């Protein structure tokens, strides 16, 4: 009993260490991003067909904090993934360690791909559609804070949701799930993804459709990747038995 308590304490200390390292790295990236935040801001707004307005002197500071936070999150993801891998490494076999370590750069690439999809594809489509609704009936007045909140709502969730395939592959490689379980819960997963897409997009049908379709395709690709990993595991087991 005493040895078991010692192990639990050691695991908690190790977990605390990994969390602290990740937070320190995030803070370093946040400070670095904040130093260059004006340059990042000008890159984002340089091609906008309208001017952004401020409603108060603190608005721009809030926007700068939002930009620096998003950049810091993106930069911290590979470090956080590596720290998570270091935490679970003692419980893995040498082969599993090598396999799971390969997921670290993939997670970062998928996160960037998700943000890029949101920023270059979805965001301009939804923005143009929403602005076209006003036509000449209203005077368009865009505040800096609301514009960037809208921008991050259309991009950041996709960076997270695009991690779905690599998470599914990782869990499959560890034997926690398999593709047949994913197929059984498909209708429930579809329902959850549809609800998520409605929550993270503006309240219009076009935005919902533009988000739902990629999310469903992501889930289906996750099942295919899970089948690939699961098939390789079955082949390796059959070879060992022979």
C-alpha atoms as a PDB file:
ATOM      1  CA  UNK A   1       0.000   0.000   0.000  1.00  0.00           C
ATOM      2  CA  UNK A   2       2.824   2.356   0.877  1.00  0.00           C
ATOM      3  CA  UNK A   3       4.633   1.566  -2.402  1.00  0.00           C
ATOM      4  CA  UNK A   4       1.427   2.239  -4.309  1.00  0.00           C
ATOM      5  CA  UNK A   5       1.026   5.622  -2.639  1.00  0.00           C
ATOM      6  CA  UNK A   6       4.638   6.455  -3.498  1.00  0.00           C
ATOM      7  CA  UNK A   7       3.995   5.617  -7.156  1.00  0.00           C
ATOM      8  CA  UNK A   8       0.914   7.822  -7.237  1.00  0.00           C
ATOM      9  CA  UNK A   9       2.903  10.703  -5.721  1.00  0.00           C
ATOM     10  CA  UNK A  10       5.708  10.184  -8.257  1.00  0.00           C
ATOM     11  CA  UNK A  11       3.211  10.210 -11.138  1.00  0.00           C
ATOM     12  CA  UNK A  12       1.623  13.396  -9.826  1.00  0.00           C
ATOM     13  CA  UNK A  13       5.027  15.056  -9.451  1.00  0.00           C
ATOM     14  CA  UNK A  14       5.953  14.008 -12.996  1.00  0.00           C
ATOM     15  CA  UNK A  15       2.630  15.308 -14.303  1.00  0.00           C
ATOM     16  CA  UNK A  16       3.160  18.600 -12.445  1.00  0.00           C
ATOM     17  CA  UNK A  17       6.644  18.899 -13.941  1.00  0.00           C
ATOM     18  CA  UNK A  18       5.330  18.437 -17.503  1.00  0.00           C
ATOM     19  CA  UNK A  19       2.544  20.977 -16.930  1.00  0.00           C
ATOM     20  CA  UNK A  20       4.987  23.559 -15.542  1.00  0.00           C
ATOM     21  CA  UNK A  21       7.381  23.114 -18.497  1.00  0.00           C
ATOM     22  CA  UNK A  22       4.506  23.535 -20.944  1.00  0.00           C
ATOM     23  CA  UNK A  23       3.227  26.670 -19.177  1.00  0.00           C
ATOM     24  CA  UNK A  24       6.724  28.204 -19.070  1.00  0.00           C
ATOM     25  CA  UNK A  25       7.164  27.573 -22.800  1.00  0.00           C
ATOM     26  CA  UNK A  26       3.730  29.081 -23.474  1.00  0.00           C
ATOM     27  CA  UNK A  27       4.621  32.205 -21.490  1.00  0.00           C
ATOM     28  CA  UNK A  28       7.927  32.572 -23.381  1.00  0.00           C
ATOM     29  CA  UNK A  29       6.146  32.297 -26.732  1.00  0.00           C
ATOM     30  CA  UNK A  30       3.438  34.662 -25.494  1.00  0.00           C
ATOM     31  CA  UNK A  31       5.973  37.331 -24.531  1.00  0.00           C
ATOM     32  CA  UNK A  32       7.832  36.892 -27.825  1.00  0.00           C
ATOM     33  CA  UNK A  33       4.571  37.141 -29.780  1.00  0.00           C
ATOM     34  CA  UNK A  34       3.499  40.221 -27.874  1.00  0.00           C
ATOM     35  CA  UNK A  35       6.766  41.965 -28.778  1.00  0.00           C
ATOM     36  CA  UNK A  36       5.952  41.531 -32.489  1.00  0.00           C
ATOM     37  CA  UNK A  37       2.165  41.705 -32.134  1.00  0.00           C
ATOM     38  CA  UNK A  38       1.817  44.967 -34.078  1.00  0.00           C
ATOM     39  CA  UNK A  39       3.563  43.418 -37.086  1.00  0.00           C
ATOM     40  CA  UNK A  40       1.253  40.377 -36.880  1.00  0.00           C
ATOM     41  CA  UNK A  41      -1.773  42.686 -36.591  1.00  0.00           C
ATOM     42  CA  UNK A  42      -0.818  44.654 -39.707  1.00  0.00           C
ATOM     43  CA  UNK A  43      -0.318  41.435 -41.700  1.00  0.00           C
ATOM     44  CA  UNK A  44      -3.832  40.276 -40.786  1.00  0.00           C
ATOM     45  CA  UNK A  45      -5.650  43.544 -41.535  1.00  0.00           C
ATOM     46  CA  UNK A  46      -3.648  44.807 -44.528  1.00  0.00           C
ATOM     47  CA  UNK A  47      -6.013  43.330 -47.174  1.00  0.00           C
ATOM     48  CA  UNK A  48      -9.292  44.156 -45.445  1.00  0.00           C
ATOM     49  CA  UNK A  49     -11.668  46.228 -47.600  1.00  0.00           C
ATOM     50  CA  UNK A  50     -12.839  48.202 -44.562  1.00  0.00           C
ATOM     51  CA  UNK A  51     -11.358  50.027 -41.585  1.00  0.00           C
ATOM     52  CA  UNK A  52     -11.615  48.681 -38.063  1.00  0.00           C
ATOM     53  CA  UNK A  53     -12.831  50.928 -35.254  1.00  0.00           C
ATOM     54  CA  UNK A  54     -12.104  51.105 -31.539  1.00  0.00           C
ATOM     55  CA  UNK A  55     -14.806  51.748 -28.949  1.00  0.00           C
ATOM     56  CA  UNK A  56     -12.390  52.344 -26.109  1.00  0.00           C
ATOM     57  CA  UNK A  57      -8.672  52.777 -25.370  1.00  0.00           C
ATOM     58  CA  UNK A  58      -8.396  49.282 -23.893  1.00  0.00           C
ATOM     59  CA  UNK A  59      -9.840  47.496 -26.934  1.00  0.00           C
ATOM     60  CA  UNK A  60      -6.582  47.363 -28.860  1.00  0.00           C
ATOM     61  CA  UNK A  61      -4.746  45.933 -25.850  1.00  0.00           C
ATOM     62  CA  UNK A  62      -7.349  43.176 -25.609  1.00  0.00           C
ATOM     63  CA  UNK A  63      -6.907  42.427 -29.318  1.00  0.00           C
ATOM     64  CA  UNK A  64      -3.131  42.306 -28.954  1.00  0.00           C
ATOM     65  CA  UNK A  65      -3.497  39.866 -26.050  1.00  0.00           C
ATOM     66  CA  UNK A  66      -5.790  37.680 -28.156  1.00  0.00           C
ATOM     67  CA  UNK A  67      -3.354  37.624 -31.078  1.00  0.00           C
ATOM     68  CA  UNK A  68      -0.356  36.870 -28.876  1.00  0.00           C
ATOM     69  CA  UNK A  69      -2.290  34.085 -27.125  1.00  0.00           C
ATOM     70  CA  UNK A  70      -3.278  32.360 -30.372  1.00  0.00           C
ATOM     71  CA  UNK A  71       0.277  32.523 -31.735  1.00  0.00           C
ATOM     72  CA  UNK A  72       1.652  31.214 -28.433  1.00  0.00           C
ATOM     73  CA  UNK A  73      -0.850  28.333 -28.396  1.00  0.00           C
ATOM     74  CA  UNK A  74       0.135  27.320 -31.932  1.00  0.00           C
ATOM     75  CA  UNK A  75       3.849  27.457 -31.104  1.00  0.00           C
ATOM     76  CA  UNK A  76       3.404  25.550 -27.833  1.00  0.00           C
ATOM     77  CA  UNK A  77       1.489  22.593 -29.290  1.00  0.00           C
ATOM     78  CA  UNK A  78       4.556  20.504 -30.323  1.00  0.00           C
ATOM     79  CA  UNK A  79       6.176  21.155 -26.932  1.00  0.00           C
ATOM     80  CA  UNK A  80       2.973  20.193 -25.091  1.00  0.00           C
ATOM     81  CA  UNK A  81       2.633  17.038 -27.204  1.00  0.00           C
ATOM     82  CA  UNK A  82       6.254  16.093 -26.491  1.00  0.00           C
ATOM     83  CA  UNK A  83       5.762  16.640 -22.759  1.00  0.00           C
ATOM     84  CA  UNK A  84       2.670  14.431 -22.857  1.00  0.00           C
ATOM     85  CA  UNK A  85       4.720  11.770 -24.644  1.00  0.00           C
ATOM     86  CA  UNK A  86       7.462  11.999 -22.005  1.00  0.00           C
ATOM     87  CA  UNK A  87       4.823  11.534 -19.300  1.00  0.00           C
ATOM     88  CA  UNK A  88       3.391   8.321 -20.812  1.00  0.00           C
ATOM     89  CA  UNK A  89       6.735   7.002 -22.152  1.00  0.00           C
ATOM     90  CA  UNK A  90       7.563   4.789 -19.111  1.00  0.00           C
ATOM     91  CA  UNK A  91       4.348   2.817 -19.696  1.00  0.00           C
ATOM     92  CA  UNK A  92       5.120   2.186 -23.389  1.00  0.00           C
ATOM     93  CA  UNK A  93       7.176  -0.502 -25.072  1.00  0.00           C
ATOM     94  CA  UNK A  94      10.215   0.604 -27.150  1.00  0.00           C
ATOM     95  CA  UNK A  95       8.208   0.082 -30.346  1.00  0.00           C
ATOM     96  CA  UNK A  96       5.261   2.084 -28.990  1.00  0.00           C
ATOM     97  CA  UNK A  97       7.620   4.879 -27.934  1.00  0.00           C
ATOM     98  CA  UNK A  98       9.018   5.164 -31.434  1.00  0.00           C
ATOM     99  CA  UNK A  99       5.556   5.061 -33.023  1.00  0.00           C
ATOM    100  CA  UNK A 100       3.908   7.579 -30.709  1.00  0.00           C
ATOM    101  CA  UNK A 101       6.829  10.025 -30.924  1.00  0.00           C
ATOM    102  CA  UNK A 102       6.137  10.354 -34.657  1.00  0.00           C
ATOM    103  CA  UNK A 103       2.736  11.857 -33.813  1.00  0.00           C
ATOM    104  CA  UNK A 104       4.285  14.968 -32.233  1.00  0.00           C
ATOM    105  CA  UNK A 105       5.214  16.808 -35.482  1.00  0.00           C
ATOM    106  CA  UNK A 106       2.033  15.528 -37.155  1.00  0.00           C
ATOM    107  CA  UNK A 107      -0.100  17.178 -34.462  1.00  0.00           C
ATOM    108  CA  UNK A 108       1.573  20.529 -35.118  1.00  0.00           C
ATOM    109  CA  UNK A 109       1.167  20.188 -38.893  1.00  0.00           C
ATOM    110  CA  UNK A 110      -2.537  19.332 -38.546  1.00  0.00           C
ATOM    111  CA  UNK A 111      -3.092  22.252 -36.164  1.00  0.00           C
ATOM    112  CA  UNK A 112      -1.547  24.667 -38.670  1.00  0.00           C
ATOM    113  CA  UNK A 113      -3.550  23.031 -41.471  1.00  0.00           C
ATOM    114  CA  UNK A 114      -6.775  23.526 -39.496  1.00  0.00           C
ATOM    115  CA  UNK A 115      -6.039  27.183 -38.800  1.00  0.00           C
ATOM    116  CA  UNK A 116      -5.060  27.717 -42.449  1.00  0.00           C
ATOM    117  CA  UNK A 117      -8.314  26.126 -43.616  1.00  0.00           C
ATOM    118  CA  UNK A 118     -10.303  28.389 -41.324  1.00  0.00           C
ATOM    119  CA  UNK A 119      -8.356  31.530 -42.243  1.00  0.00           C
ATOM    120  CA  UNK A 120      -7.884  31.136 -46.010  1.00  0.00           C
ATOM    121  CA  UNK A 121     -11.030  29.191 -46.962  1.00  0.00           C
ATOM    122  CA  UNK A 122     -13.827  29.457 -44.431  1.00  0.00           C
ATOM    123  CA  UNK A 123     -13.276  32.922 -42.949  1.00  0.00           C
ATOM    124  CA  UNK A 124     -13.362  34.932 -46.223  1.00  0.00           C
ATOM    125  CA  UNK A 125     -16.389  32.971 -47.497  1.00  0.00           C
ATOM    126  CA  UNK A 126     -18.422  33.540 -44.349  1.00  0.00           C
ATOM    127  CA  UNK A 127     -17.293  37.162 -43.983  1.00  0.00           C
ATOM    128  CA  UNK A 128     -18.217  38.021 -47.576  1.00  0.00           C
ATOM    129  CA  UNK A 129     -21.564  36.292 -47.206  1.00  0.00           C
ATOM    130  CA  UNK A 130     -22.436  38.072 -43.970  1.00  0.00           C
ATOM    131  CA  UNK A 131     -21.350  41.494 -45.227  1.00  0.00           C
ATOM    132  CA  UNK A 132     -23.343  41.009 -48.429  1.00  0.00           C
ATOM    133  CA  UNK A 133     -26.532  40.597 -46.403  1.00  0.00           C
ATOM    134  CA  UNK A 134     -26.521  44.258 -45.409  1.00  0.00           C
ATOM    135  CA  UNK A 135     -26.212  45.551 -49.003  1.00  0.00           C
ATOM    136  CA  UNK A 136     -27.013  49.281 -48.877  1.00  0.00           C
ATOM    137  CA  UNK A 137     -29.514  48.997 -46.045  1.00  0.00           C
ATOM    138  CA  UNK A 138     -27.040  49.573 -43.224  1.00  0.00           C
ATOM    139  CA  UNK A 139     -23.833  51.409 -42.480  1.00  0.00           C
ATOM    140  CA  UNK A 140     -21.193  48.773 -41.799  1.00  0.00           C
ATOM    141  CA  UNK A 141     -19.223  49.500 -38.634  1.00  0.00           C
ATOM    142  CA  UNK A 142     -16.625  46.913 -37.636  1.00  0.00           C
ATOM    143  CA  UNK A 143     -14.978  47.128 -34.247  1.00  0.00           C
ATOM    144  CA  UNK A 144     -11.492  45.681 -33.861  1.00  0.00           C
ATOM    145  CA  UNK A 145     -12.407  43.487 -30.903  1.00  0.00           C
ATOM    146  CA  UNK A 146     -15.485  41.909 -32.514  1.00  0.00           C
ATOM    147  CA  UNK A 147     -13.678  41.381 -35.803  1.00  0.00           C
ATOM    148  CA  UNK A 148     -10.832  39.466 -34.172  1.00  0.00           C
ATOM    149  CA  UNK A 149     -13.212  37.487 -31.975  1.00  0.00           C
ATOM    150  CA  UNK A 150     -15.060  36.478 -35.129  1.00  0.00           C
ATOM    151  CA  UNK A 151     -11.758  35.649 -36.865  1.00  0.00           C
ATOM    152  CA  UNK A 152     -10.519  33.440 -34.028  1.00  0.00           C
ATOM    153  CA  UNK A 153     -13.907  31.707 -33.714  1.00  0.00           C
ATOM    154  CA  UNK A 154     -13.584  30.769 -37.382  1.00  0.00           C
ATOM    155  CA  UNK A 155      -9.976  29.574 -37.209  1.00  0.00           C
ATOM    156  CA  UNK A 156      -8.810  28.380 -33.784  1.00  0.00           C
ATOM    157  CA  UNK A 157     -11.467  25.641 -33.322  1.00  0.00           C
ATOM    158  CA  UNK A 158     -10.389  24.125 -36.636  1.00  0.00           C
ATOM    159  CA  UNK A 159      -6.811  23.912 -35.455  1.00  0.00           C
ATOM    160  CA  UNK A 160      -8.069  21.791 -32.559  1.00  0.00           C
ATOM    161  CA  UNK A 161     -10.619  19.764 -34.545  1.00  0.00           C
ATOM    162  CA  UNK A 162      -8.059  18.901 -37.249  1.00  0.00           C
ATOM    163  CA  UNK A 163      -6.191  16.977 -34.535  1.00  0.00           C
ATOM    164  CA  UNK A 164      -8.946  14.338 -34.608  1.00  0.00           C
ATOM    165  CA  UNK A 165      -7.228  11.956 -37.093  1.00  0.00           C
ATOM    166  CA  UNK A 166      -3.930  11.889 -35.226  1.00  0.00           C
ATOM    167  CA  UNK A 167      -5.703  11.440 -31.868  1.00  0.00           C
ATOM    168  CA  UNK A 168      -7.671   8.500 -33.308  1.00  0.00           C
ATOM    169  CA  UNK A 169      -4.476   6.984 -34.747  1.00  0.00           C
ATOM    170  CA  UNK A 170      -2.696   7.427 -31.429  1.00  0.00           C
ATOM    171  CA  UNK A 171      -5.485   5.764 -29.437  1.00  0.00           C
ATOM    172  CA  UNK A 172      -5.690   2.940 -31.993  1.00  0.00           C
ATOM    173  CA  UNK A 173      -1.957   2.310 -31.829  1.00  0.00           C
ATOM    174  CA  UNK A 174      -2.261   2.013 -28.028  1.00  0.00           C
ATOM    175  CA  UNK A 175      -5.141  -0.461 -28.388  1.00  0.00           C
ATOM    176  CA  UNK A 176      -7.641   1.806 -26.618  1.00  0.00           C
ATOM    177  CA  UNK A 177     -10.042   1.989 -29.578  1.00  0.00           C
ATOM    178  CA  UNK A 178     -10.455   0.279 -32.958  1.00  0.00           C
ATOM    179  CA  UNK A 179     -12.146   1.277 -36.245  1.00  0.00           C
ATOM    180  CA  UNK A 180     -15.134  -0.982 -35.629  1.00  0.00           C
ATOM    181  CA  UNK A 181     -15.951   0.878 -32.414  1.00  0.00           C
ATOM    182  CA  UNK A 182     -15.727   4.145 -34.335  1.00  0.00           C
ATOM    183  CA  UNK A 183     -18.133   2.815 -36.964  1.00  0.00           C
ATOM    184  CA  UNK A 184     -20.623   1.755 -34.277  1.00  0.00           C
ATOM    185  CA  UNK A 185     -20.711   5.227 -32.718  1.00  0.00           C
ATOM    186  CA  UNK A 186     -20.703   7.034 -36.090  1.00  0.00           C
ATOM    187  CA  UNK A 187     -24.225   8.476 -35.759  1.00  0.00           C
ATOM    188  CA  UNK A 188     -23.482   9.771 -32.247  1.00  0.00           C
ATOM    189  CA  UNK A 189     -20.156  11.235 -33.421  1.00  0.00           C
ATOM    190  CA  UNK A 190     -21.936  12.933 -36.337  1.00  0.00           C
ATOM    191  CA  UNK A 191     -24.459  14.455 -33.949  1.00  0.00           C
ATOM    192  CA  UNK A 192     -21.703  15.790 -31.657  1.00  0.00           C
ATOM    193  CA  UNK A 193     -19.726  17.215 -34.603  1.00  0.00           C
ATOM    194  CA  UNK A 194     -22.843  18.928 -35.984  1.00  0.00           C
ATOM    195  CA  UNK A 195     -23.586  20.484 -32.586  1.00  0.00           C
ATOM    196  CA  UNK A 196     -19.949  21.648 -32.301  1.00  0.00           C
ATOM    197  CA  UNK A 197     -20.040  23.178 -35.786  1.00  0.00           C
ATOM    198  CA  UNK A 198     -23.224  25.105 -34.945  1.00  0.00           C
ATOM    199  CA  UNK A 199     -21.697  26.393 -31.702  1.00  0.00           C
ATOM    200  CA  UNK A 200     -18.429  27.633 -33.236  1.00  0.00           C
ATOM    201  CA  UNK A 201     -19.888  29.339 -36.300  1.00  0.00           C
ATOM    202  CA  UNK A 202     -22.060  32.432 -36.794  1.00  0.00           C
ATOM    203  CA  UNK A 203     -25.820  31.751 -36.786  1.00  0.00           C
ATOM    204  CA  UNK A 204     -26.375  31.196 -40.502  1.00  0.00           C
ATOM    205  CA  UNK A 205     -26.949  28.032 -42.535  1.00  0.00           C
ATOM    206  CA  UNK A 206     -24.067  28.552 -44.988  1.00  0.00           C
ATOM    207  CA  UNK A 207     -21.470  28.784 -42.216  1.00  0.00           C
ATOM    208  CA  UNK A 208     -22.852  25.656 -40.564  1.00  0.00           C
ATOM    209  CA  UNK A 209     -22.701  23.664 -43.808  1.00  0.00           C
ATOM    210  CA  UNK A 210     -19.184  24.871 -44.599  1.00  0.00           C
ATOM    211  CA  UNK A 211     -18.030  23.663 -41.196  1.00  0.00           C
ATOM    212  CA  UNK A 212     -20.059  20.444 -40.897  1.00  0.00           C
ATOM    213  CA  UNK A 213     -18.830  18.918 -44.167  1.00  0.00           C
ATOM    214  CA  UNK A 214     -15.068  19.129 -43.341  1.00  0.00           C
ATOM    215  CA  UNK A 215     -15.707  17.803 -39.817  1.00  0.00           C
ATOM    216  CA  UNK A 216     -17.595  14.770 -41.118  1.00  0.00           C
ATOM    217  CA  UNK A 217     -14.854  14.142 -43.661  1.00  0.00           C
ATOM    218  CA  UNK A 218     -12.302  14.360 -40.849  1.00  0.00           C
ATOM    219  CA  UNK A 219     -14.180  11.709 -38.895  1.00  0.00           C
ATOM    220  CA  UNK A 220     -14.388   9.394 -41.889  1.00  0.00           C
ATOM    221  CA  UNK A 221     -10.684   9.855 -42.618  1.00  0.00           C
ATOM    222  CA  UNK A 222     -10.002   9.081 -38.956  1.00  0.00           C
ATOM    223  CA  UNK A 223     -11.844   5.757 -39.339  1.00  0.00           C
ATOM    224  CA  UNK A 224      -9.792   4.939 -42.443  1.00  0.00           C
ATOM    225  CA  UNK A 225      -6.532   5.742 -40.668  1.00  0.00           C
ATOM    226  CA  UNK A 226      -7.642   3.701 -37.667  1.00  0.00           C
ATOM    227  CA  UNK A 227      -8.325   0.738 -39.985  1.00  0.00           C
ATOM    228  CA  UNK A 228      -4.821   1.087 -41.430  1.00  0.00           C
ATOM    229  CA  UNK A 229      -3.181   1.107 -37.984  1.00  0.00           C
ATOM    230  CA  UNK A 230      -5.414  -1.703 -36.711  1.00  0.00           C
ATOM    231  CA  UNK A 231      -4.661  -3.836 -39.789  1.00  0.00           C
ATOM    232  CA  UNK A 232      -0.920  -3.422 -39.266  1.00  0.00           C
ATOM    233  CA  UNK A 233      -1.298  -4.446 -35.619  1.00  0.00           C
ATOM    234  CA  UNK A 234      -3.196  -7.604 -36.596  1.00  0.00           C
ATOM    235  CA  UNK A 235      -0.527  -8.511 -39.176  1.00  0.00           C
ATOM    236  CA  UNK A 236       2.295  -8.068 -36.693  1.00  0.00           C
ATOM    237  CA  UNK A 237       0.450 -10.220 -34.132  1.00  0.00           C
ATOM    238  CA  UNK A 238      -0.138 -12.987 -36.666  1.00  0.00           C
ATOM    239  CA  UNK A 239       3.559 -12.975 -37.624  1.00  0.00           C
ATOM    240  CA  UNK A 240       4.575 -13.304 -33.986  1.00  0.00           C
ATOM    241  CA  UNK A 241       2.207 -16.239 -33.493  1.00  0.00           C
ATOM    242  CA  UNK A 242       3.711 -18.006 -36.490  1.00  0.00           C
END
